[in-house]
């Protein structure tokens, strides 16, 4: 088990089975966190917070099942470990993903739709108002982004997207960042910007 966090930064891990895990690790290290590349379930015992990065949600599901990550992940979340899913990672930790063909962790009480904003050529960027990060907008990068269609009663909405010009399917379908206790999901890729505020916010969840 990780040591008591006290005033130190939470020790973060990034699931390194596939996807853009290196960018997350680099961002955490810029913030002073001793971030590690997680490839075995037993490594979860040594960290306070885990990022499940973007990539391909079907591949994440297959590999997580093959390496036995899902039971250990659920165990550590129950013990208080923080988890953040970005893009495909948000799909992996959602409880409801219609039509998804492979196992999911099912951690967050959210319903997510895959590739809701179109294919990769339709990827886009947008400025988001995220009060938890301060008054300055967060510049978000969306790549084949999933949509958080609905959330349960214990889920806090952190950010919504202005649908104008994005191809989003309607004014009710704008949620792109959520938190549920020590869990967080974002439809976009904060690791692809130079703004580390989401990573810093997540480290605080790992200390709570």
C-alpha atoms as a PDB file:
ATOM      1  CA  UNK A   1       0.000   0.000   0.000  1.00  0.00           C
ATOM      2  CA  UNK A   2       1.233   3.539  -0.645  1.00  0.00           C
ATOM      3  CA  UNK A   3       2.367   5.472   2.401  1.00  0.00           C
ATOM      4  CA  UNK A   4       0.209   8.159   4.005  1.00  0.00           C
ATOM      5  CA  UNK A   5       0.173  11.093   1.621  1.00  0.00           C
ATOM      6  CA  UNK A   6       0.178  13.945   4.147  1.00  0.00           C
ATOM      7  CA  UNK A   7       1.354  17.111   2.403  1.00  0.00           C
ATOM      8  CA  UNK A   8       3.172  15.348  -0.423  1.00  0.00           C
ATOM      9  CA  UNK A   9       1.770  14.923  -3.917  1.00  0.00           C
ATOM     10  CA  UNK A  10      -0.167  11.754  -4.509  1.00  0.00           C
ATOM     11  CA  UNK A  11       1.839   9.067  -6.305  1.00  0.00           C
ATOM     12  CA  UNK A  12       0.208   8.678  -9.712  1.00  0.00           C
ATOM     13  CA  UNK A  13       0.268   5.758 -12.091  1.00  0.00           C
ATOM     14  CA  UNK A  14      -0.801   5.627 -15.718  1.00  0.00           C
ATOM     15  CA  UNK A  15      -2.071   2.388 -17.253  1.00  0.00           C
ATOM     16  CA  UNK A  16       0.573   1.685 -19.884  1.00  0.00           C
ATOM     17  CA  UNK A  17      -1.027  -1.159 -21.821  1.00  0.00           C
ATOM     18  CA  UNK A  18      -1.734   1.118 -24.820  1.00  0.00           C
ATOM     19  CA  UNK A  19      -2.727   4.663 -25.702  1.00  0.00           C
ATOM     20  CA  UNK A  20      -1.045   7.981 -24.896  1.00  0.00           C
ATOM     21  CA  UNK A  21       0.220   7.077 -21.433  1.00  0.00           C
ATOM     22  CA  UNK A  22       3.620   8.765 -21.871  1.00  0.00           C
ATOM     23  CA  UNK A  23       2.068  12.210 -22.216  1.00  0.00           C
ATOM     24  CA  UNK A  24       0.232  11.773 -18.905  1.00  0.00           C
ATOM     25  CA  UNK A  25       3.386  10.625 -17.141  1.00  0.00           C
ATOM     26  CA  UNK A  26       5.322  13.621 -18.463  1.00  0.00           C
ATOM     27  CA  UNK A  27       2.607  16.015 -17.274  1.00  0.00           C
ATOM     28  CA  UNK A  28       2.557  14.519 -13.772  1.00  0.00           C
ATOM     29  CA  UNK A  29       6.334  14.688 -13.534  1.00  0.00           C
ATOM     30  CA  UNK A  30       6.288  18.360 -14.537  1.00  0.00           C
ATOM     31  CA  UNK A  31       3.991  18.870 -11.542  1.00  0.00           C
ATOM     32  CA  UNK A  32       6.447  17.077  -9.264  1.00  0.00           C
ATOM     33  CA  UNK A  33       4.599  13.770  -8.913  1.00  0.00           C
ATOM     34  CA  UNK A  34       6.573  10.525  -9.066  1.00  0.00           C
ATOM     35  CA  UNK A  35       4.366   9.077 -11.817  1.00  0.00           C
ATOM     36  CA  UNK A  36       4.877   5.474 -12.928  1.00  0.00           C
ATOM     37  CA  UNK A  37       3.935   3.333 -15.907  1.00  0.00           C
ATOM     38  CA  UNK A  38       1.510   0.654 -14.647  1.00  0.00           C
ATOM     39  CA  UNK A  39       1.504  -2.660 -16.533  1.00  0.00           C
ATOM     40  CA  UNK A  40       0.754  -5.252 -13.831  1.00  0.00           C
ATOM     41  CA  UNK A  41      -2.221  -5.389 -11.421  1.00  0.00           C
ATOM     42  CA  UNK A  42       0.027  -5.637  -8.350  1.00  0.00           C
ATOM     43  CA  UNK A  43       1.493  -2.216  -9.154  1.00  0.00           C
ATOM     44  CA  UNK A  44      -1.853  -0.677  -8.151  1.00  0.00           C
ATOM     45  CA  UNK A  45      -0.973  -1.348  -4.508  1.00  0.00           C
ATOM     46  CA  UNK A  46       1.893   1.170  -4.681  1.00  0.00           C
ATOM     47  CA  UNK A  47      -0.004   4.196  -6.055  1.00  0.00           C
ATOM     48  CA  UNK A  48      -2.636   6.646  -4.839  1.00  0.00           C
ATOM     49  CA  UNK A  49      -4.158   7.548  -8.207  1.00  0.00           C
ATOM     50  CA  UNK A  50      -4.440   5.878 -11.624  1.00  0.00           C
ATOM     51  CA  UNK A  51      -5.071   7.356 -15.068  1.00  0.00           C
ATOM     52  CA  UNK A  52      -6.598   5.175 -17.773  1.00  0.00           C
ATOM     53  CA  UNK A  53      -5.539   7.023 -20.929  1.00  0.00           C
ATOM     54  CA  UNK A  54      -7.088   7.550 -24.325  1.00  0.00           C
ATOM     55  CA  UNK A  55      -6.569   5.022 -27.090  1.00  0.00           C
ATOM     56  CA  UNK A  56      -8.976   2.289 -28.186  1.00  0.00           C
ATOM     57  CA  UNK A  57     -11.565   1.266 -25.615  1.00  0.00           C
ATOM     58  CA  UNK A  58     -11.945  -2.212 -27.120  1.00  0.00           C
ATOM     59  CA  UNK A  59      -8.196  -2.793 -26.812  1.00  0.00           C
ATOM     60  CA  UNK A  60      -8.173  -1.522 -23.230  1.00  0.00           C
ATOM     61  CA  UNK A  61     -10.988  -3.927 -22.363  1.00  0.00           C
ATOM     62  CA  UNK A  62      -9.271  -6.916 -23.954  1.00  0.00           C
ATOM     63  CA  UNK A  63      -5.903  -6.238 -22.330  1.00  0.00           C
ATOM     64  CA  UNK A  64      -7.369  -5.424 -18.914  1.00  0.00           C
ATOM     65  CA  UNK A  65      -9.235  -8.735 -18.983  1.00  0.00           C
ATOM     66  CA  UNK A  66      -6.174 -10.662 -20.172  1.00  0.00           C
ATOM     67  CA  UNK A  67      -3.895  -9.266 -17.455  1.00  0.00           C
ATOM     68  CA  UNK A  68      -6.485  -9.466 -14.672  1.00  0.00           C
ATOM     69  CA  UNK A  69      -6.699  -5.733 -14.012  1.00  0.00           C
ATOM     70  CA  UNK A  70     -10.438  -5.338 -13.491  1.00  0.00           C
ATOM     71  CA  UNK A  71     -10.855  -7.168 -10.124  1.00  0.00           C
ATOM     72  CA  UNK A  72      -7.752  -5.498  -8.683  1.00  0.00           C
ATOM     73  CA  UNK A  73      -8.842  -2.091  -9.965  1.00  0.00           C
ATOM     74  CA  UNK A  74     -12.240  -2.421  -8.301  1.00  0.00           C
ATOM     75  CA  UNK A  75     -10.579  -3.543  -5.071  1.00  0.00           C
ATOM     76  CA  UNK A  76      -8.230  -0.549  -4.973  1.00  0.00           C
ATOM     77  CA  UNK A  77     -11.014   1.925  -5.804  1.00  0.00           C
ATOM     78  CA  UNK A  78     -12.990   0.536  -2.857  1.00  0.00           C
ATOM     79  CA  UNK A  79      -9.904   1.212  -0.705  1.00  0.00           C
ATOM     80  CA  UNK A  80      -9.801   4.841  -1.847  1.00  0.00           C
ATOM     81  CA  UNK A  81      -7.517   4.929  -4.887  1.00  0.00           C
ATOM     82  CA  UNK A  82      -8.482   7.687  -7.316  1.00  0.00           C
ATOM     83  CA  UNK A  83      -9.102   6.818 -10.984  1.00  0.00           C
ATOM     84  CA  UNK A  84      -9.335   9.135 -13.996  1.00  0.00           C
ATOM     85  CA  UNK A  85     -10.432   7.941 -17.418  1.00  0.00           C
ATOM     86  CA  UNK A  86      -9.626  10.190 -20.409  1.00  0.00           C
ATOM     87  CA  UNK A  87     -11.446   9.652 -23.717  1.00  0.00           C
ATOM     88  CA  UNK A  88     -11.355   5.848 -24.199  1.00  0.00           C
ATOM     89  CA  UNK A  89     -10.498   5.570 -20.512  1.00  0.00           C
ATOM     90  CA  UNK A  90     -13.795   7.306 -19.698  1.00  0.00           C
ATOM     91  CA  UNK A  91     -15.579   4.586 -21.654  1.00  0.00           C
ATOM     92  CA  UNK A  92     -13.697   1.893 -19.751  1.00  0.00           C
ATOM     93  CA  UNK A  93     -14.731   3.154 -16.302  1.00  0.00           C
ATOM     94  CA  UNK A  94     -18.386   3.887 -17.203  1.00  0.00           C
ATOM     95  CA  UNK A  95     -21.143   1.572 -16.005  1.00  0.00           C
ATOM     96  CA  UNK A  96     -23.294   1.994 -19.105  1.00  0.00           C
ATOM     97  CA  UNK A  97     -21.850   2.006 -22.648  1.00  0.00           C
ATOM     98  CA  UNK A  98     -24.469   0.802 -25.141  1.00  0.00           C
ATOM     99  CA  UNK A  99     -23.112  -1.698 -27.656  1.00  0.00           C
ATOM    100  CA  UNK A 100     -19.594  -1.951 -26.259  1.00  0.00           C
ATOM    101  CA  UNK A 101     -18.270  -5.426 -27.162  1.00  0.00           C
ATOM    102  CA  UNK A 102     -15.634  -5.938 -24.447  1.00  0.00           C
ATOM    103  CA  UNK A 103     -15.430  -5.949 -20.636  1.00  0.00           C
ATOM    104  CA  UNK A 104     -15.499  -2.633 -18.791  1.00  0.00           C
ATOM    105  CA  UNK A 105     -14.532  -1.756 -15.228  1.00  0.00           C
ATOM    106  CA  UNK A 106     -17.962  -0.220 -14.535  1.00  0.00           C
ATOM    107  CA  UNK A 107     -16.780   2.165 -11.822  1.00  0.00           C
ATOM    108  CA  UNK A 108     -18.676   5.414 -12.486  1.00  0.00           C
ATOM    109  CA  UNK A 109     -22.424   5.939 -12.564  1.00  0.00           C
ATOM    110  CA  UNK A 110     -22.398   7.460 -16.044  1.00  0.00           C
ATOM    111  CA  UNK A 111     -23.754   6.529 -19.473  1.00  0.00           C
ATOM    112  CA  UNK A 112     -21.264   7.081 -22.291  1.00  0.00           C
ATOM    113  CA  UNK A 113     -21.675   6.936 -26.064  1.00  0.00           C
ATOM    114  CA  UNK A 114     -18.624   6.136 -28.181  1.00  0.00           C
ATOM    115  CA  UNK A 115     -17.371   8.352 -31.048  1.00  0.00           C
ATOM    116  CA  UNK A 116     -20.267  10.721 -30.463  1.00  0.00           C
ATOM    117  CA  UNK A 117     -18.599  13.697 -32.157  1.00  0.00           C
ATOM    118  CA  UNK A 118     -17.628  11.894 -35.355  1.00  0.00           C
ATOM    119  CA  UNK A 119     -14.541  10.157 -36.688  1.00  0.00           C
ATOM    120  CA  UNK A 120     -10.937  11.267 -36.227  1.00  0.00           C
ATOM    121  CA  UNK A 121     -11.053  13.744 -39.106  1.00  0.00           C
ATOM    122  CA  UNK A 122     -13.826  15.535 -37.215  1.00  0.00           C
ATOM    123  CA  UNK A 123     -11.697  16.051 -34.104  1.00  0.00           C
ATOM    124  CA  UNK A 124     -11.703  19.563 -32.679  1.00  0.00           C
ATOM    125  CA  UNK A 125     -10.587  21.851 -29.865  1.00  0.00           C
ATOM    126  CA  UNK A 126     -12.685  24.019 -27.566  1.00  0.00           C
ATOM    127  CA  UNK A 127     -12.363  26.262 -24.509  1.00  0.00           C
ATOM    128  CA  UNK A 128     -14.221  24.978 -21.458  1.00  0.00           C
ATOM    129  CA  UNK A 129     -15.332  26.751 -18.308  1.00  0.00           C
ATOM    130  CA  UNK A 130     -14.281  24.572 -15.369  1.00  0.00           C
ATOM    131  CA  UNK A 131     -14.905  26.449 -12.105  1.00  0.00           C
ATOM    132  CA  UNK A 132     -12.948  23.861 -10.095  1.00  0.00           C
ATOM    133  CA  UNK A 133      -9.804  24.844 -12.041  1.00  0.00           C
ATOM    134  CA  UNK A 134     -10.190  28.612 -11.651  1.00  0.00           C
ATOM    135  CA  UNK A 135     -11.480  31.422 -13.830  1.00  0.00           C
ATOM    136  CA  UNK A 136      -9.281  30.821 -16.895  1.00  0.00           C
ATOM    137  CA  UNK A 137     -10.913  28.549 -19.537  1.00  0.00           C
ATOM    138  CA  UNK A 138      -9.353  25.146 -20.155  1.00  0.00           C
ATOM    139  CA  UNK A 139      -8.395  24.512 -23.782  1.00  0.00           C
ATOM    140  CA  UNK A 140      -9.569  20.959 -24.516  1.00  0.00           C
ATOM    141  CA  UNK A 141      -8.555  18.627 -27.357  1.00  0.00           C
ATOM    142  CA  UNK A 142     -11.256  16.200 -28.548  1.00  0.00           C
ATOM    143  CA  UNK A 143     -10.220  13.199 -30.696  1.00  0.00           C
ATOM    144  CA  UNK A 144     -12.976  10.747 -31.644  1.00  0.00           C
ATOM    145  CA  UNK A 145     -14.424  11.761 -28.313  1.00  0.00           C
ATOM    146  CA  UNK A 146     -17.081   9.862 -26.373  1.00  0.00           C
ATOM    147  CA  UNK A 147     -20.096  11.705 -25.015  1.00  0.00           C
ATOM    148  CA  UNK A 148     -21.265  11.508 -21.406  1.00  0.00           C
ATOM    149  CA  UNK A 149     -24.980  11.227 -22.090  1.00  0.00           C
ATOM    150  CA  UNK A 150     -26.233  11.066 -18.505  1.00  0.00           C
ATOM    151  CA  UNK A 151     -24.969  10.887 -14.942  1.00  0.00           C
ATOM    152  CA  UNK A 152     -26.220   9.366 -11.711  1.00  0.00           C
ATOM    153  CA  UNK A 153     -27.309  11.380  -8.657  1.00  0.00           C
ATOM    154  CA  UNK A 154     -23.876  11.191  -7.009  1.00  0.00           C
ATOM    155  CA  UNK A 155     -21.966  12.507 -10.024  1.00  0.00           C
ATOM    156  CA  UNK A 156     -20.755  16.125 -10.250  1.00  0.00           C
ATOM    157  CA  UNK A 157     -20.573  17.723 -13.695  1.00  0.00           C
ATOM    158  CA  UNK A 158     -17.248  19.563 -14.034  1.00  0.00           C
ATOM    159  CA  UNK A 159     -17.589  20.872 -17.597  1.00  0.00           C
ATOM    160  CA  UNK A 160     -20.040  21.117 -20.461  1.00  0.00           C
ATOM    161  CA  UNK A 161     -19.365  21.865 -24.100  1.00  0.00           C
ATOM    162  CA  UNK A 162     -20.899  24.640 -26.168  1.00  0.00           C
ATOM    163  CA  UNK A 163     -22.302  22.588 -29.070  1.00  0.00           C
ATOM    164  CA  UNK A 164     -21.924  25.316 -31.678  1.00  0.00           C
ATOM    165  CA  UNK A 165     -19.803  24.054 -34.541  1.00  0.00           C
ATOM    166  CA  UNK A 166     -18.788  20.760 -32.920  1.00  0.00           C
ATOM    167  CA  UNK A 167     -21.321  18.411 -34.473  1.00  0.00           C
ATOM    168  CA  UNK A 168     -22.596  17.409 -31.044  1.00  0.00           C
ATOM    169  CA  UNK A 169     -26.036  15.822 -31.214  1.00  0.00           C
ATOM    170  CA  UNK A 170     -27.980  18.366 -29.183  1.00  0.00           C
ATOM    171  CA  UNK A 171     -28.086  20.883 -26.385  1.00  0.00           C
ATOM    172  CA  UNK A 172     -28.825  18.208 -23.781  1.00  0.00           C
ATOM    173  CA  UNK A 173     -25.742  16.190 -24.770  1.00  0.00           C
ATOM    174  CA  UNK A 174     -22.936  18.475 -23.677  1.00  0.00           C
ATOM    175  CA  UNK A 175     -21.309  16.893 -20.614  1.00  0.00           C
ATOM    176  CA  UNK A 176     -17.582  16.326 -21.157  1.00  0.00           C
ATOM    177  CA  UNK A 177     -16.068  16.117 -17.642  1.00  0.00           C
ATOM    178  CA  UNK A 178     -17.439  14.575 -14.438  1.00  0.00           C
ATOM    179  CA  UNK A 179     -16.391  13.555 -10.952  1.00  0.00           C
ATOM    180  CA  UNK A 180     -17.855  10.978  -8.583  1.00  0.00           C
ATOM    181  CA  UNK A 181     -15.988  10.946  -5.285  1.00  0.00           C
ATOM    182  CA  UNK A 182     -12.450   9.761  -6.076  1.00  0.00           C
ATOM    183  CA  UNK A 183     -13.338   9.008  -9.718  1.00  0.00           C
ATOM    184  CA  UNK A 184     -13.101  11.366 -12.692  1.00  0.00           C
ATOM    185  CA  UNK A 185     -13.802  11.102 -16.421  1.00  0.00           C
ATOM    186  CA  UNK A 186     -13.118  13.480 -19.299  1.00  0.00           C
ATOM    187  CA  UNK A 187     -14.148  13.111 -22.931  1.00  0.00           C
ATOM    188  CA  UNK A 188     -11.087  15.051 -24.051  1.00  0.00           C
ATOM    189  CA  UNK A 189      -7.279  14.775 -23.744  1.00  0.00           C
ATOM    190  CA  UNK A 190      -5.810  17.184 -21.141  1.00  0.00           C
ATOM    191  CA  UNK A 191      -2.413  15.514 -21.566  1.00  0.00           C
ATOM    192  CA  UNK A 192      -2.142  16.929 -25.110  1.00  0.00           C
ATOM    193  CA  UNK A 193      -2.014  20.519 -23.859  1.00  0.00           C
ATOM    194  CA  UNK A 194       0.537  22.391 -21.751  1.00  0.00           C
ATOM    195  CA  UNK A 195      -2.096  23.113 -19.109  1.00  0.00           C
ATOM    196  CA  UNK A 196      -1.603  20.808 -16.122  1.00  0.00           C
ATOM    197  CA  UNK A 197      -4.586  21.985 -14.073  1.00  0.00           C
ATOM    198  CA  UNK A 198      -6.691  18.848 -14.601  1.00  0.00           C
ATOM    199  CA  UNK A 199      -3.738  16.664 -13.612  1.00  0.00           C
ATOM    200  CA  UNK A 200      -3.154  18.793 -10.527  1.00  0.00           C
ATOM    201  CA  UNK A 201      -6.844  18.583  -9.609  1.00  0.00           C
ATOM    202  CA  UNK A 202      -6.709  14.795  -9.988  1.00  0.00           C
ATOM    203  CA  UNK A 203      -3.662  14.513  -7.729  1.00  0.00           C
ATOM    204  CA  UNK A 204      -5.718  16.193  -5.011  1.00  0.00           C
ATOM    205  CA  UNK A 205      -8.345  13.434  -5.385  1.00  0.00           C
ATOM    206  CA  UNK A 206      -5.573  10.922  -4.782  1.00  0.00           C
ATOM    207  CA  UNK A 207      -4.736  12.687  -1.511  1.00  0.00           C
ATOM    208  CA  UNK A 208      -8.291  12.905  -0.203  1.00  0.00           C
END
